[in-house]
Amino acid sequence: MKKETIGKSDLRKLILLALFAAIIVVMANIPFLGYIPLGFMNATTVHIPVIIGACILGPKYGAILGGVFGLTSLINNTLKPLITSFVFTPFYSLDPRFSGGLKSLFICFVPRILIGVFAGLIFMLLKNRIKLLTACAISGFIGSMTNTLFVMGSIYLLYGESYAAAKSIGFDALFYVIAGVVGINGIPEAIVASVLTAIICPVLLKVFPKHSA
């Protein structure tokens, strides 16, 4: 009986995982919903279901959802590239001077996987220590900032000179440009993720209490 119960629980988690993954894919393919083009980069909301899924299902499943997010980013930057898309995909470039490689795959996938890992771990750590609403909000903020800081930090470390050239700025100015992206885009994205996670997550936890991490 116990094995059967565990099996059913795992199956239901897999179903929820599939639903969250489907939401990520749908958001990524609806114009101006999952990826919002700003000309020099894409603002994103696709990380929000990754965060919520990680809070509901735990960091292991959150990592898988982050991987799905990374895959949509790879496809999006390959099929609908911007001048700086080479940092996310080794398969396409608008300018032959700028091309990606294995480092692009690292930037595309690892920070997105870490969104689910960090959001899930933070939520597990906080959910029984502070108010649920606050735990969700903090997890949403940290998950979102994980994406921004790790993506932009990896770009600076791995493709700094090429990225600066693609944006027609000097490498010395790149640090300040990236800091501006973190402040102007990253923090508002994190606030939105925090608010939405705090609104949606407690409701889902009431609906699926037996399937949460």
N, C-alpha and C. Protein backbone atom coordinates (compact mmCIF):
# COMPACT_ATOMS: atom_id res chain seq x y z
N MET A 1 0.82 -1.21 0.00
CA MET A 1 0.00 0.00 0.00
C MET A 1 0.86 1.26 0.00
N LYS A 2 1.91 1.26 0.80
CA LYS A 2 2.79 2.43 0.88
C LYS A 2 3.49 2.67 -0.45
N LYS A 3 3.96 1.57 -1.08
CA LYS A 3 4.63 1.72 -2.37
C LYS A 3 3.66 2.26 -3.41
N GLU A 4 2.40 1.81 -3.35
CA GLU A 4 1.39 2.26 -4.29
C GLU A 4 1.13 3.75 -4.11
N THR A 5 1.05 4.19 -2.81
CA THR A 5 0.83 5.60 -2.52
C THR A 5 1.97 6.45 -3.04
N ILE A 6 3.20 6.00 -2.81
CA ILE A 6 4.37 6.74 -3.28
C ILE A 6 4.37 6.82 -4.81
N GLY A 7 3.97 5.69 -5.44
CA GLY A 7 3.93 5.68 -6.90
C GLY A 7 2.92 6.66 -7.44
N LYS A 8 1.74 6.75 -6.82
CA LYS A 8 0.71 7.68 -7.26
C LYS A 8 1.17 9.13 -7.06
N SER A 9 1.83 9.37 -5.94
CA SER A 9 2.33 10.72 -5.66
C SER A 9 3.35 11.15 -6.71
N ASP A 10 4.27 10.25 -7.06
CA ASP A 10 5.27 10.56 -8.07
C ASP A 10 4.62 10.80 -9.43
N LEU A 11 3.60 10.01 -9.75
CA LEU A 11 2.90 10.17 -11.03
C LEU A 11 2.22 11.53 -11.10
N ARG A 12 1.58 11.91 -10.00
CA ARG A 12 0.90 13.21 -9.97
C ARG A 12 1.90 14.36 -10.08
N LYS A 13 3.07 14.19 -9.46
CA LYS A 13 4.11 15.21 -9.60
C LYS A 13 4.57 15.32 -11.04
N LEU A 14 4.69 14.18 -11.70
CA LEU A 14 5.10 14.19 -13.11
C LEU A 14 4.05 14.87 -13.98
N ILE A 15 2.79 14.67 -13.65
CA ILE A 15 1.72 15.33 -14.40
C ILE A 15 1.79 16.84 -14.20
N LEU A 16 2.00 17.26 -12.94
CA LEU A 16 2.15 18.70 -12.67
C LEU A 16 3.38 19.26 -13.36
N LEU A 17 4.46 18.48 -13.36
CA LEU A 17 5.68 18.90 -14.06
C LEU A 17 5.39 19.13 -15.54
N ALA A 18 4.65 18.19 -16.15
CA ALA A 18 4.31 18.33 -17.56
C ALA A 18 3.44 19.56 -17.81
N LEU A 19 2.52 19.85 -16.88
CA LEU A 19 1.66 21.02 -17.04
C LEU A 19 2.48 22.32 -16.97
N PHE A 20 3.39 22.40 -15.99
CA PHE A 20 4.23 23.59 -15.89
C PHE A 20 5.13 23.73 -17.12
N ALA A 21 5.67 22.61 -17.59
CA ALA A 21 6.52 22.65 -18.79
C ALA A 21 5.72 23.13 -19.99
N ALA A 22 4.46 22.68 -20.10
CA ALA A 22 3.61 23.11 -21.21
C ALA A 22 3.34 24.61 -21.13
N ILE A 23 3.13 25.13 -19.92
CA ILE A 23 2.93 26.57 -19.75
C ILE A 23 4.15 27.35 -20.21
N ILE A 24 5.34 26.85 -19.86
CA ILE A 24 6.58 27.51 -20.28
C ILE A 24 6.68 27.55 -21.79
N VAL A 25 6.40 26.42 -22.44
CA VAL A 25 6.48 26.35 -23.90
C VAL A 25 5.48 27.28 -24.56
N VAL A 26 4.25 27.30 -24.04
CA VAL A 26 3.21 28.17 -24.60
C VAL A 26 3.61 29.64 -24.44
N MET A 27 4.06 30.02 -23.24
CA MET A 27 4.47 31.40 -23.01
C MET A 27 5.62 31.80 -23.92
N ALA A 28 6.54 30.88 -24.14
CA ALA A 28 7.71 31.17 -24.97
C ALA A 28 7.34 31.38 -26.43
N ASN A 29 6.19 30.86 -26.83
CA ASN A 29 5.80 30.92 -28.24
C ASN A 29 4.70 31.93 -28.53
N ILE A 30 4.23 32.61 -27.50
CA ILE A 30 3.25 33.69 -27.70
C ILE A 30 4.01 35.02 -27.74
N PRO A 31 3.95 35.74 -28.86
CA PRO A 31 4.70 36.99 -28.98
C PRO A 31 4.38 37.98 -27.85
N PHE A 32 5.43 38.57 -27.32
CA PHE A 32 5.34 39.60 -26.29
C PHE A 32 4.75 39.10 -24.97
N LEU A 33 4.74 37.79 -24.77
CA LEU A 33 4.30 37.26 -23.49
C LEU A 33 5.47 36.65 -22.73
N GLY A 34 6.08 35.60 -23.29
CA GLY A 34 7.20 34.96 -22.61
C GLY A 34 8.51 35.68 -22.80
N TYR A 35 8.73 36.15 -24.03
CA TYR A 35 9.93 36.93 -24.35
C TYR A 35 9.50 38.25 -24.95
N ILE A 36 9.92 39.33 -24.33
CA ILE A 36 9.52 40.66 -24.77
C ILE A 36 10.73 41.36 -25.38
N PRO A 37 10.78 41.50 -26.72
CA PRO A 37 11.96 42.10 -27.36
C PRO A 37 12.11 43.58 -27.02
N LEU A 38 13.30 43.94 -26.58
CA LEU A 38 13.61 45.34 -26.25
C LEU A 38 14.59 45.95 -27.23
N GLY A 39 14.95 45.20 -28.29
CA GLY A 39 15.91 45.69 -29.28
C GLY A 39 17.30 45.20 -28.99
N PHE A 40 17.81 45.45 -27.78
CA PHE A 40 19.16 45.03 -27.42
C PHE A 40 19.16 43.70 -26.68
N MET A 41 17.98 43.26 -26.19
CA MET A 41 17.86 41.98 -25.51
C MET A 41 16.38 41.66 -25.34
N ASN A 42 16.08 40.50 -24.80
CA ASN A 42 14.70 40.13 -24.52
C ASN A 42 14.44 40.16 -23.02
N ALA A 43 13.43 40.92 -22.61
CA ALA A 43 12.94 40.78 -21.24
C ALA A 43 12.12 39.49 -21.20
N THR A 44 12.03 38.87 -20.05
CA THR A 44 11.38 37.56 -19.99
C THR A 44 10.43 37.44 -18.81
N THR A 45 9.37 36.69 -19.04
CA THR A 45 8.47 36.28 -17.96
C THR A 45 8.39 34.77 -17.87
N VAL A 46 9.13 34.06 -18.73
CA VAL A 46 9.07 32.59 -18.77
C VAL A 46 9.62 31.99 -17.48
N HIS A 47 10.44 32.74 -16.76
CA HIS A 47 11.01 32.19 -15.54
C HIS A 47 9.98 32.06 -14.42
N ILE A 48 8.84 32.74 -14.54
CA ILE A 48 7.85 32.73 -13.46
C ILE A 48 7.24 31.33 -13.24
N PRO A 49 6.79 30.62 -14.30
CA PRO A 49 6.31 29.25 -14.04
C PRO A 49 7.41 28.31 -13.55
N VAL A 50 8.67 28.60 -13.90
CA VAL A 50 9.77 27.80 -13.36
C VAL A 50 9.83 27.97 -11.84
N ILE A 51 9.73 29.21 -11.39
CA ILE A 51 9.79 29.51 -9.96
C ILE A 51 8.61 28.89 -9.22
N ILE A 52 7.42 29.11 -9.76
CA ILE A 52 6.22 28.56 -9.10
C ILE A 52 6.27 27.04 -9.07
N GLY A 53 6.67 26.44 -10.18
CA GLY A 53 6.79 24.99 -10.22
C GLY A 53 7.81 24.47 -9.22
N ALA A 54 8.91 25.20 -9.07
CA ALA A 54 9.94 24.79 -8.10
C ALA A 54 9.41 24.87 -6.67
N CYS A 55 8.61 25.90 -6.38
CA CYS A 55 8.04 26.02 -5.04
C CYS A 55 7.04 24.91 -4.77
N ILE A 56 6.26 24.53 -5.77
CA ILE A 56 5.24 23.49 -5.59
C ILE A 56 5.87 22.10 -5.54
N LEU A 57 6.82 21.83 -6.44
CA LEU A 57 7.32 20.48 -6.65
C LEU A 57 8.71 20.23 -6.07
N GLY A 58 9.44 21.29 -5.74
CA GLY A 58 10.78 21.13 -5.17
C GLY A 58 11.89 21.44 -6.17
N PRO A 59 13.11 21.56 -5.67
CA PRO A 59 14.23 21.99 -6.52
C PRO A 59 14.58 21.02 -7.64
N LYS A 60 14.38 19.72 -7.43
CA LYS A 60 14.72 18.75 -8.48
C LYS A 60 13.84 18.98 -9.71
N TYR A 61 12.55 19.08 -9.49
CA TYR A 61 11.64 19.33 -10.60
C TYR A 61 11.81 20.77 -11.11
N GLY A 62 12.14 21.68 -10.21
CA GLY A 62 12.41 23.05 -10.63
C GLY A 62 13.57 23.12 -11.60
N ALA A 63 14.60 22.31 -11.36
CA ALA A 63 15.75 22.26 -12.27
C ALA A 63 15.33 21.79 -13.65
N ILE A 64 14.43 20.80 -13.70
CA ILE A 64 13.94 20.31 -14.99
C ILE A 64 13.17 21.40 -15.72
N LEU A 65 12.32 22.13 -14.99
CA LEU A 65 11.58 23.22 -15.60
C LEU A 65 12.52 24.32 -16.08
N GLY A 66 13.58 24.57 -15.32
CA GLY A 66 14.58 25.53 -15.76
C GLY A 66 15.24 25.09 -17.05
N GLY A 67 15.47 23.78 -17.18
CA GLY A 67 16.03 23.25 -18.41
C GLY A 67 15.10 23.45 -19.60
N VAL A 68 13.78 23.32 -19.36
CA VAL A 68 12.80 23.58 -20.42
C VAL A 68 12.85 25.05 -20.82
N PHE A 69 12.94 25.93 -19.84
CA PHE A 69 13.10 27.36 -20.11
C PHE A 69 14.35 27.60 -20.96
N GLY A 70 15.46 26.97 -20.59
CA GLY A 70 16.69 27.13 -21.36
C GLY A 70 16.53 26.67 -22.79
N LEU A 71 15.80 25.57 -22.99
CA LEU A 71 15.58 25.06 -24.34
C LEU A 71 14.76 26.04 -25.17
N THR A 72 13.72 26.64 -24.57
CA THR A 72 12.94 27.63 -25.31
C THR A 72 13.78 28.85 -25.65
N SER A 73 14.70 29.22 -24.75
CA SER A 73 15.60 30.34 -25.02
C SER A 73 16.53 30.03 -26.18
N LEU A 74 17.06 28.80 -26.20
CA LEU A 74 17.94 28.37 -27.29
C LEU A 74 17.20 28.44 -28.63
N ILE A 75 16.00 27.91 -28.67
CA ILE A 75 15.21 27.90 -29.90
C ILE A 75 14.85 29.31 -30.32
N ASN A 76 14.41 30.13 -29.35
CA ASN A 76 14.01 31.50 -29.64
C ASN A 76 15.16 32.33 -30.20
N ASN A 77 16.33 32.19 -29.60
CA ASN A 77 17.48 32.96 -30.05
C ASN A 77 18.06 32.43 -31.36
N THR A 78 17.78 31.18 -31.67
CA THR A 78 18.25 30.61 -32.94
C THR A 78 17.33 31.01 -34.09
N LEU A 79 16.02 30.97 -33.85
CA LEU A 79 15.05 31.23 -34.92
C LEU A 79 14.70 32.71 -35.05
N LYS A 80 14.79 33.44 -33.95
CA LYS A 80 14.45 34.88 -33.98
C LYS A 80 15.58 35.67 -33.32
N PRO A 81 16.74 35.66 -33.95
CA PRO A 81 17.92 36.22 -33.28
C PRO A 81 17.97 37.74 -33.26
N LEU A 82 18.59 38.25 -32.21
CA LEU A 82 19.03 39.64 -32.13
C LEU A 82 20.53 39.66 -32.38
N ILE A 83 21.12 40.82 -32.43
CA ILE A 83 22.56 40.92 -32.70
C ILE A 83 23.37 40.23 -31.61
N THR A 84 22.82 40.18 -30.38
CA THR A 84 23.55 39.56 -29.26
C THR A 84 23.10 38.13 -28.96
N SER A 85 22.31 37.53 -29.84
CA SER A 85 21.78 36.18 -29.56
C SER A 85 22.86 35.11 -29.56
N PHE A 86 24.04 35.42 -30.10
CA PHE A 86 25.11 34.42 -30.14
C PHE A 86 25.53 33.98 -28.74
N VAL A 87 25.25 34.80 -27.72
CA VAL A 87 25.63 34.39 -26.36
C VAL A 87 24.71 33.30 -25.83
N PHE A 88 23.57 33.06 -26.50
CA PHE A 88 22.63 32.04 -26.08
C PHE A 88 22.55 30.85 -27.02
N THR A 89 23.08 30.98 -28.22
CA THR A 89 22.98 29.88 -29.17
C THR A 89 24.24 29.77 -30.03
N PRO A 90 24.74 28.58 -30.23
CA PRO A 90 25.88 28.38 -31.12
C PRO A 90 25.45 28.13 -32.56
N PHE A 91 24.14 28.18 -32.83
CA PHE A 91 23.63 27.73 -34.12
C PHE A 91 23.28 28.84 -35.09
N TYR A 92 23.32 30.10 -34.64
CA TYR A 92 22.96 31.17 -35.56
C TYR A 92 23.56 32.48 -35.08
N SER A 93 23.86 33.35 -36.03
CA SER A 93 24.37 34.67 -35.69
C SER A 93 23.97 35.64 -36.79
N LEU A 94 23.55 36.84 -36.40
CA LEU A 94 23.19 37.85 -37.39
C LEU A 94 24.41 38.46 -38.04
N ASP A 95 25.55 38.32 -37.40
CA ASP A 95 26.79 38.92 -37.90
C ASP A 95 27.90 37.88 -37.77
N PRO A 96 28.60 37.58 -38.88
CA PRO A 96 29.64 36.55 -38.81
C PRO A 96 30.78 36.88 -37.85
N ARG A 97 30.88 38.14 -37.46
CA ARG A 97 31.93 38.50 -36.50
C ARG A 97 31.63 37.97 -35.10
N PHE A 98 30.37 37.69 -34.85
CA PHE A 98 29.96 37.26 -33.53
C PHE A 98 29.31 35.89 -33.63
N SER A 99 29.94 34.91 -33.03
CA SER A 99 29.40 33.54 -33.09
C SER A 99 29.54 32.88 -31.73
N GLY A 100 28.58 32.00 -31.44
CA GLY A 100 28.56 31.32 -30.16
C GLY A 100 29.24 29.97 -30.23
N GLY A 101 29.20 29.26 -29.11
CA GLY A 101 29.81 27.94 -29.00
C GLY A 101 29.27 27.24 -27.78
N LEU A 102 30.08 26.37 -27.20
CA LEU A 102 29.64 25.64 -26.01
C LEU A 102 29.36 26.59 -24.84
N LYS A 103 30.08 27.71 -24.82
CA LYS A 103 29.84 28.69 -23.76
C LYS A 103 28.43 29.26 -23.86
N SER A 104 27.92 29.35 -25.08
CA SER A 104 26.54 29.83 -25.27
C SER A 104 25.54 28.88 -24.63
N LEU A 105 25.79 27.59 -24.77
CA LEU A 105 24.89 26.61 -24.17
C LEU A 105 24.94 26.69 -22.64
N PHE A 106 26.12 26.95 -22.10
CA PHE A 106 26.25 27.14 -20.65
C PHE A 106 25.38 28.31 -20.21
N ILE A 107 25.49 29.45 -20.89
CA ILE A 107 24.72 30.63 -20.52
C ILE A 107 23.23 30.39 -20.69
N CYS A 108 22.88 29.66 -21.73
CA CYS A 108 21.48 29.42 -22.04
C CYS A 108 20.81 28.49 -21.04
N PHE A 109 21.54 27.49 -20.56
CA PHE A 109 20.91 26.46 -19.73
C PHE A 109 21.22 26.57 -18.23
N VAL A 110 22.47 26.76 -17.86
CA VAL A 110 22.85 26.65 -16.44
C VAL A 110 22.14 27.69 -15.56
N PRO A 111 22.14 28.99 -15.92
CA PRO A 111 21.42 29.94 -15.06
C PRO A 111 19.94 29.62 -14.94
N ARG A 112 19.33 29.11 -16.03
CA ARG A 112 17.90 28.80 -16.01
C ARG A 112 17.62 27.59 -15.13
N ILE A 113 18.49 26.60 -15.16
CA ILE A 113 18.35 25.45 -14.28
C ILE A 113 18.48 25.88 -12.81
N LEU A 114 19.41 26.81 -12.57
CA LEU A 114 19.63 27.29 -11.20
C LEU A 114 18.44 28.08 -10.67
N ILE A 115 17.63 28.67 -11.56
CA ILE A 115 16.41 29.34 -11.10
C ILE A 115 15.57 28.36 -10.28
N GLY A 116 15.30 27.20 -10.88
CA GLY A 116 14.47 26.21 -10.21
C GLY A 116 15.12 25.65 -8.96
N VAL A 117 16.43 25.45 -9.02
CA VAL A 117 17.14 24.91 -7.86
C VAL A 117 17.08 25.89 -6.70
N PHE A 118 17.44 27.15 -6.94
CA PHE A 118 17.49 28.13 -5.87
C PHE A 118 16.10 28.47 -5.33
N ALA A 119 15.14 28.67 -6.24
CA ALA A 119 13.78 29.00 -5.80
C ALA A 119 13.20 27.86 -4.97
N GLY A 120 13.40 26.63 -5.43
CA GLY A 120 12.89 25.48 -4.69
C GLY A 120 13.54 25.32 -3.33
N LEU A 121 14.86 25.48 -3.27
CA LEU A 121 15.57 25.34 -2.00
C LEU A 121 15.19 26.44 -1.01
N ILE A 122 15.11 27.69 -1.50
CA ILE A 122 14.74 28.80 -0.63
C ILE A 122 13.34 28.60 -0.06
N PHE A 123 12.41 28.15 -0.92
CA PHE A 123 11.05 27.93 -0.45
C PHE A 123 11.00 26.81 0.60
N MET A 124 11.72 25.72 0.36
CA MET A 124 11.76 24.62 1.33
C MET A 124 12.33 25.09 2.66
N LEU A 125 13.32 25.97 2.59
CA LEU A 125 13.96 26.48 3.80
C LEU A 125 13.04 27.40 4.60
N LEU A 126 12.22 28.19 3.89
CA LEU A 126 11.45 29.25 4.55
C LEU A 126 10.01 28.89 4.85
N LYS A 127 9.42 27.93 4.15
CA LYS A 127 7.96 27.74 4.21
C LYS A 127 7.45 27.41 5.60
N ASN A 128 8.25 26.76 6.44
CA ASN A 128 7.80 26.42 7.78
C ASN A 128 8.36 27.36 8.85
N ARG A 129 9.06 28.38 8.40
CA ARG A 129 9.70 29.31 9.34
C ARG A 129 9.05 30.69 9.34
N ILE A 130 8.50 31.08 8.20
CA ILE A 130 7.87 32.39 8.09
C ILE A 130 6.51 32.22 7.41
N LYS A 131 5.77 33.29 7.26
CA LYS A 131 4.46 33.23 6.60
C LYS A 131 4.63 32.72 5.17
N LEU A 132 3.66 31.90 4.76
CA LEU A 132 3.73 31.29 3.42
C LEU A 132 3.82 32.35 2.34
N LEU A 133 3.03 33.40 2.46
CA LEU A 133 3.03 34.47 1.46
C LEU A 133 4.42 35.09 1.32
N THR A 134 5.06 35.32 2.45
CA THR A 134 6.41 35.91 2.44
C THR A 134 7.42 34.96 1.85
N ALA A 135 7.31 33.67 2.21
CA ALA A 135 8.23 32.67 1.66
C ALA A 135 8.11 32.59 0.14
N CYS A 136 6.88 32.65 -0.36
CA CYS A 136 6.67 32.63 -1.81
C CYS A 136 7.26 33.87 -2.47
N ALA A 137 7.04 35.02 -1.86
CA ALA A 137 7.54 36.27 -2.44
C ALA A 137 9.06 36.28 -2.50
N ILE A 138 9.71 35.86 -1.41
CA ILE A 138 11.17 35.82 -1.38
C ILE A 138 11.70 34.83 -2.41
N SER A 139 11.08 33.68 -2.51
CA SER A 139 11.51 32.67 -3.49
C SER A 139 11.37 33.20 -4.91
N GLY A 140 10.29 33.92 -5.18
CA GLY A 140 10.10 34.50 -6.50
C GLY A 140 11.15 35.54 -6.83
N PHE A 141 11.47 36.38 -5.86
CA PHE A 141 12.47 37.42 -6.09
C PHE A 141 13.85 36.81 -6.32
N ILE A 142 14.24 35.88 -5.46
CA ILE A 142 15.57 35.26 -5.57
C ILE A 142 15.68 34.44 -6.85
N GLY A 143 14.62 33.70 -7.19
CA GLY A 143 14.64 32.93 -8.43
C GLY A 143 14.84 33.79 -9.64
N SER A 144 14.13 34.91 -9.69
CA SER A 144 14.26 35.82 -10.83
C SER A 144 15.64 36.46 -10.89
N MET A 145 16.14 36.91 -9.75
CA MET A 145 17.46 37.54 -9.73
C MET A 145 18.56 36.53 -10.05
N THR A 146 18.34 35.26 -9.72
CA THR A 146 19.29 34.22 -10.10
C THR A 146 19.48 34.20 -11.61
N ASN A 147 18.36 34.27 -12.33
CA ASN A 147 18.43 34.29 -13.79
C ASN A 147 19.21 35.50 -14.28
N THR A 148 18.83 36.68 -13.81
CA THR A 148 19.46 37.91 -14.29
C THR A 148 20.95 37.95 -13.96
N LEU A 149 21.30 37.68 -12.71
CA LEU A 149 22.69 37.82 -12.30
C LEU A 149 23.59 36.77 -12.94
N PHE A 150 23.11 35.54 -13.02
CA PHE A 150 23.95 34.49 -13.60
C PHE A 150 24.06 34.64 -15.11
N VAL A 151 22.99 35.04 -15.78
CA VAL A 151 23.06 35.23 -17.24
C VAL A 151 23.99 36.39 -17.56
N MET A 152 23.74 37.55 -16.95
CA MET A 152 24.55 38.72 -17.28
C MET A 152 25.99 38.56 -16.79
N GLY A 153 26.18 37.93 -15.63
CA GLY A 153 27.53 37.68 -15.15
C GLY A 153 28.29 36.74 -16.06
N SER A 154 27.61 35.70 -16.56
CA SER A 154 28.25 34.75 -17.47
C SER A 154 28.59 35.40 -18.80
N ILE A 155 27.70 36.26 -19.28
CA ILE A 155 28.00 36.99 -20.53
C ILE A 155 29.25 37.83 -20.35
N TYR A 156 29.35 38.52 -19.23
CA TYR A 156 30.51 39.38 -18.98
C TYR A 156 31.80 38.56 -18.92
N LEU A 157 31.74 37.42 -18.25
CA LEU A 157 32.95 36.61 -18.06
C LEU A 157 33.32 35.79 -19.30
N LEU A 158 32.34 35.32 -20.03
CA LEU A 158 32.60 34.39 -21.12
C LEU A 158 32.63 35.04 -22.50
N TYR A 159 31.86 36.11 -22.67
CA TYR A 159 31.76 36.74 -23.99
C TYR A 159 31.89 38.27 -23.90
N GLY A 160 32.56 38.74 -22.85
CA GLY A 160 32.58 40.18 -22.60
C GLY A 160 32.98 41.03 -23.78
N GLU A 161 34.12 40.75 -24.40
CA GLU A 161 34.62 41.59 -25.49
C GLU A 161 33.71 41.49 -26.72
N SER A 162 33.28 40.28 -27.06
CA SER A 162 32.41 40.09 -28.23
C SER A 162 31.06 40.76 -28.00
N TYR A 163 30.53 40.63 -26.80
CA TYR A 163 29.23 41.22 -26.47
C TYR A 163 29.32 42.74 -26.54
N ALA A 164 30.40 43.28 -26.01
CA ALA A 164 30.60 44.73 -26.06
C ALA A 164 30.69 45.21 -27.50
N ALA A 165 31.43 44.49 -28.34
CA ALA A 165 31.56 44.86 -29.74
C ALA A 165 30.22 44.80 -30.46
N ALA A 166 29.42 43.77 -30.14
CA ALA A 166 28.11 43.63 -30.77
C ALA A 166 27.19 44.79 -30.40
N LYS A 167 27.38 45.33 -29.21
CA LYS A 167 26.58 46.47 -28.76
C LYS A 167 27.23 47.80 -29.09
N SER A 168 28.39 47.75 -29.78
CA SER A 168 29.11 48.96 -30.21
C SER A 168 29.51 49.83 -29.04
N ILE A 169 30.01 49.18 -27.99
CA ILE A 169 30.54 49.92 -26.85
C ILE A 169 31.91 49.37 -26.51
N GLY A 170 32.68 50.11 -25.75
CA GLY A 170 33.97 49.63 -25.30
C GLY A 170 33.82 48.63 -24.18
N PHE A 171 34.79 47.72 -24.08
CA PHE A 171 34.71 46.70 -23.02
C PHE A 171 34.71 47.35 -21.64
N ASP A 172 35.42 48.47 -21.50
CA ASP A 172 35.47 49.16 -20.21
C ASP A 172 34.09 49.62 -19.76
N ALA A 173 33.22 49.88 -20.72
CA ALA A 173 31.87 50.36 -20.38
C ALA A 173 30.89 49.22 -20.16
N LEU A 174 31.29 48.00 -20.50
CA LEU A 174 30.35 46.87 -20.45
C LEU A 174 29.85 46.61 -19.04
N PHE A 175 30.72 46.69 -18.06
CA PHE A 175 30.30 46.43 -16.68
C PHE A 175 29.14 47.34 -16.29
N TYR A 176 29.22 48.61 -16.68
CA TYR A 176 28.18 49.57 -16.31
C TYR A 176 26.89 49.31 -17.10
N VAL A 177 27.04 48.86 -18.34
CA VAL A 177 25.86 48.49 -19.13
C VAL A 177 25.15 47.31 -18.50
N ILE A 178 25.92 46.29 -18.10
CA ILE A 178 25.33 45.11 -17.47
C ILE A 178 24.69 45.48 -16.13
N ALA A 179 25.36 46.33 -15.38
CA ALA A 179 24.77 46.79 -14.11
C ALA A 179 23.46 47.52 -14.37
N GLY A 180 23.41 48.28 -15.47
CA GLY A 180 22.18 48.96 -15.84
C GLY A 180 21.07 47.99 -16.20
N VAL A 181 21.42 46.91 -16.92
CA VAL A 181 20.44 45.88 -17.26
C VAL A 181 19.89 45.23 -16.00
N VAL A 182 20.78 44.93 -15.07
CA VAL A 182 20.35 44.32 -13.81
C VAL A 182 19.40 45.24 -13.06
N GLY A 183 19.74 46.53 -13.03
CA GLY A 183 18.91 47.49 -12.30
C GLY A 183 17.61 47.83 -13.00
N ILE A 184 17.70 48.08 -14.30
CA ILE A 184 16.53 48.56 -15.05
C ILE A 184 15.58 47.42 -15.42
N ASN A 185 16.14 46.27 -15.81
CA ASN A 185 15.31 45.14 -16.21
C ASN A 185 15.19 44.07 -15.13
N GLY A 186 16.34 43.72 -14.54
CA GLY A 186 16.37 42.59 -13.61
C GLY A 186 15.54 42.81 -12.36
N ILE A 187 15.68 43.96 -11.73
CA ILE A 187 14.95 44.21 -10.49
C ILE A 187 13.44 44.31 -10.72
N PRO A 188 12.97 45.05 -11.75
CA PRO A 188 11.53 45.02 -12.01
C PRO A 188 11.00 43.63 -12.33
N GLU A 189 11.76 42.85 -13.12
CA GLU A 189 11.35 41.47 -13.40
C GLU A 189 11.23 40.67 -12.10
N ALA A 190 12.18 40.87 -11.19
CA ALA A 190 12.17 40.14 -9.92
C ALA A 190 10.98 40.55 -9.06
N ILE A 191 10.64 41.82 -9.08
CA ILE A 191 9.48 42.30 -8.30
C ILE A 191 8.19 41.68 -8.85
N VAL A 192 8.07 41.67 -10.18
CA VAL A 192 6.89 41.06 -10.81
C VAL A 192 6.82 39.58 -10.45
N ALA A 193 7.96 38.89 -10.55
CA ALA A 193 8.00 37.46 -10.21
C ALA A 193 7.63 37.23 -8.74
N SER A 194 8.12 38.11 -7.88
CA SER A 194 7.83 38.00 -6.45
C SER A 194 6.34 38.14 -6.18
N VAL A 195 5.72 39.15 -6.79
CA VAL A 195 4.30 39.41 -6.58
C VAL A 195 3.45 38.25 -7.12
N LEU A 196 3.75 37.81 -8.35
CA LEU A 196 2.96 36.75 -8.95
C LEU A 196 3.13 35.42 -8.22
N THR A 197 4.35 35.15 -7.76
CA THR A 197 4.58 33.92 -6.99
C THR A 197 3.80 33.96 -5.68
N ALA A 198 3.79 35.13 -5.04
CA ALA A 198 3.05 35.27 -3.78
C ALA A 198 1.55 35.15 -3.97
N ILE A 199 1.06 35.54 -5.16
CA ILE A 199 -0.38 35.45 -5.43
C ILE A 199 -0.78 34.02 -5.83
N ILE A 200 0.00 33.43 -6.74
CA ILE A 200 -0.40 32.15 -7.35
C ILE A 200 -0.03 30.95 -6.50
N CYS A 201 1.17 30.98 -5.92
CA CYS A 201 1.70 29.80 -5.24
C CYS A 201 0.85 29.34 -4.06
N PRO A 202 0.43 30.22 -3.16
CA PRO A 202 -0.40 29.75 -2.04
C PRO A 202 -1.70 29.09 -2.49
N VAL A 203 -2.28 29.59 -3.57
CA VAL A 203 -3.52 29.00 -4.10
C VAL A 203 -3.25 27.58 -4.58
N LEU A 204 -2.17 27.41 -5.35
CA LEU A 204 -1.84 26.09 -5.87
C LEU A 204 -1.47 25.12 -4.75
N LEU A 205 -0.83 25.62 -3.72
CA LEU A 205 -0.48 24.76 -2.60
C LEU A 205 -1.71 24.26 -1.84
N LYS A 206 -2.78 25.04 -1.87
CA LYS A 206 -4.03 24.58 -1.27
C LYS A 206 -4.71 23.54 -2.14
N VAL A 207 -4.57 23.72 -3.47
CA VAL A 207 -5.19 22.78 -4.41
C VAL A 207 -4.42 21.47 -4.46
N PHE A 208 -3.06 21.57 -4.40
CA PHE A 208 -2.22 20.38 -4.51
C PHE A 208 -1.34 20.20 -3.27
N PRO A 209 -1.91 20.15 -2.09
CA PRO A 209 -1.08 20.07 -0.87
C PRO A 209 -0.26 18.80 -0.76
N LYS A 210 -0.78 17.71 -1.30
CA LYS A 210 -0.08 16.43 -1.16
C LYS A 210 1.06 16.27 -2.17
N HIS A 211 1.13 17.18 -3.13
CA HIS A 211 2.14 17.02 -4.18
C HIS A 211 3.26 18.05 -4.06
N SER A 212 3.19 18.89 -3.02
CA SER A 212 4.22 19.90 -2.84
C SER A 212 5.48 19.25 -2.26
N ALA A 213 6.60 19.99 -2.40
CA ALA A 213 7.88 19.47 -1.94
C ALA A 213 7.90 19.30 -0.44
